[in-house]
């Protein structure tokens, strides 16, 4: 019987247990996948901790790549043996084998290997919607990206640079700053030594930026608002330092009629058309070399607890992949 990581109740990394889990046959519209690689993302931590409550027992994970092993009734555009990847509900990627709705997977081009496919889907399509839909980055824009040396941060720096933007990125160390620079970040701010609001104001000559991409949350939220120009967009898409629990909407008016959004990937791939469009664009920039996927850590899937501890301890850079 295949194995998976399961959680019986929300908690720390030790709540994850490696055990046998039945998979079953695919139902109508489903495929059964033999997983080759699983992507690690911070949202996995939120699901594990119960920040986003889910029924228990739970197998977490939203991103993976593998091979189609069986088809349910009505699946016409896939065949057994196809290589596919996904970054969509339902949860359950931390498994050797799993069932997935066929409508939520996409075929992987031959030029992209399994680990790269698993590492790029959630982060890559997140970057796509943030740069193209939440705020449409244009040539000449100067943008602020928090956690610029993380998985999403490195992709965003590269892709925004490809679009013609000037990128300001915050990091937590010199090593991470060097990594961000190597991936297109024009101005690096080490927030452990510098006030990022003051630095952004100096870089932009007091004008501020049109958009802040903030995956950190509590520790950076109000400073991020101070970095925006009037009518700027605050895209809060993560809570790595903890959730922002109280917001007075009047603050947005006082700081320049700002826009605040809390986007998430499922709402930006809500239709099959949106999903395939974003995936095609992502595959195009990766195979074309404009965006490189940096897999800087790999762990055995059974060692997911260690991977989570390293992620939460900010010991990781770029993307991390779990191998079943």
Foldseek 3Di string as FASTA:
>chain_A
DWWFWWAADADALVRTAIDDDDADAEAAQKFKWQFFWAWDDVVQNCDNNCVPPDDPRDGAGQWTKGFTCHDHPPDDPDDGGFIKIFRHDDGHRRIRMHMDRPLGIDTDDPVADGQRRRFCQQLQLVLVCVCPPLDPQAAPFEEEEEQLQAANNLQNQLVSVVRRYAYEYEHQDPVSQVNSVVSRHPHYHNVVPDLVLVVLCVVVVNQAGQEYEAAQAPVCVVSNLSRHHAQHEYEHAHHLPHHDDDDDVVVCVVSHVYHYDHDHVCVQPVDSVSSVVSVVVSSVCDVVVSGDQDAPEEEASSVVSVVVVCVSVVVDGHIYMHGD
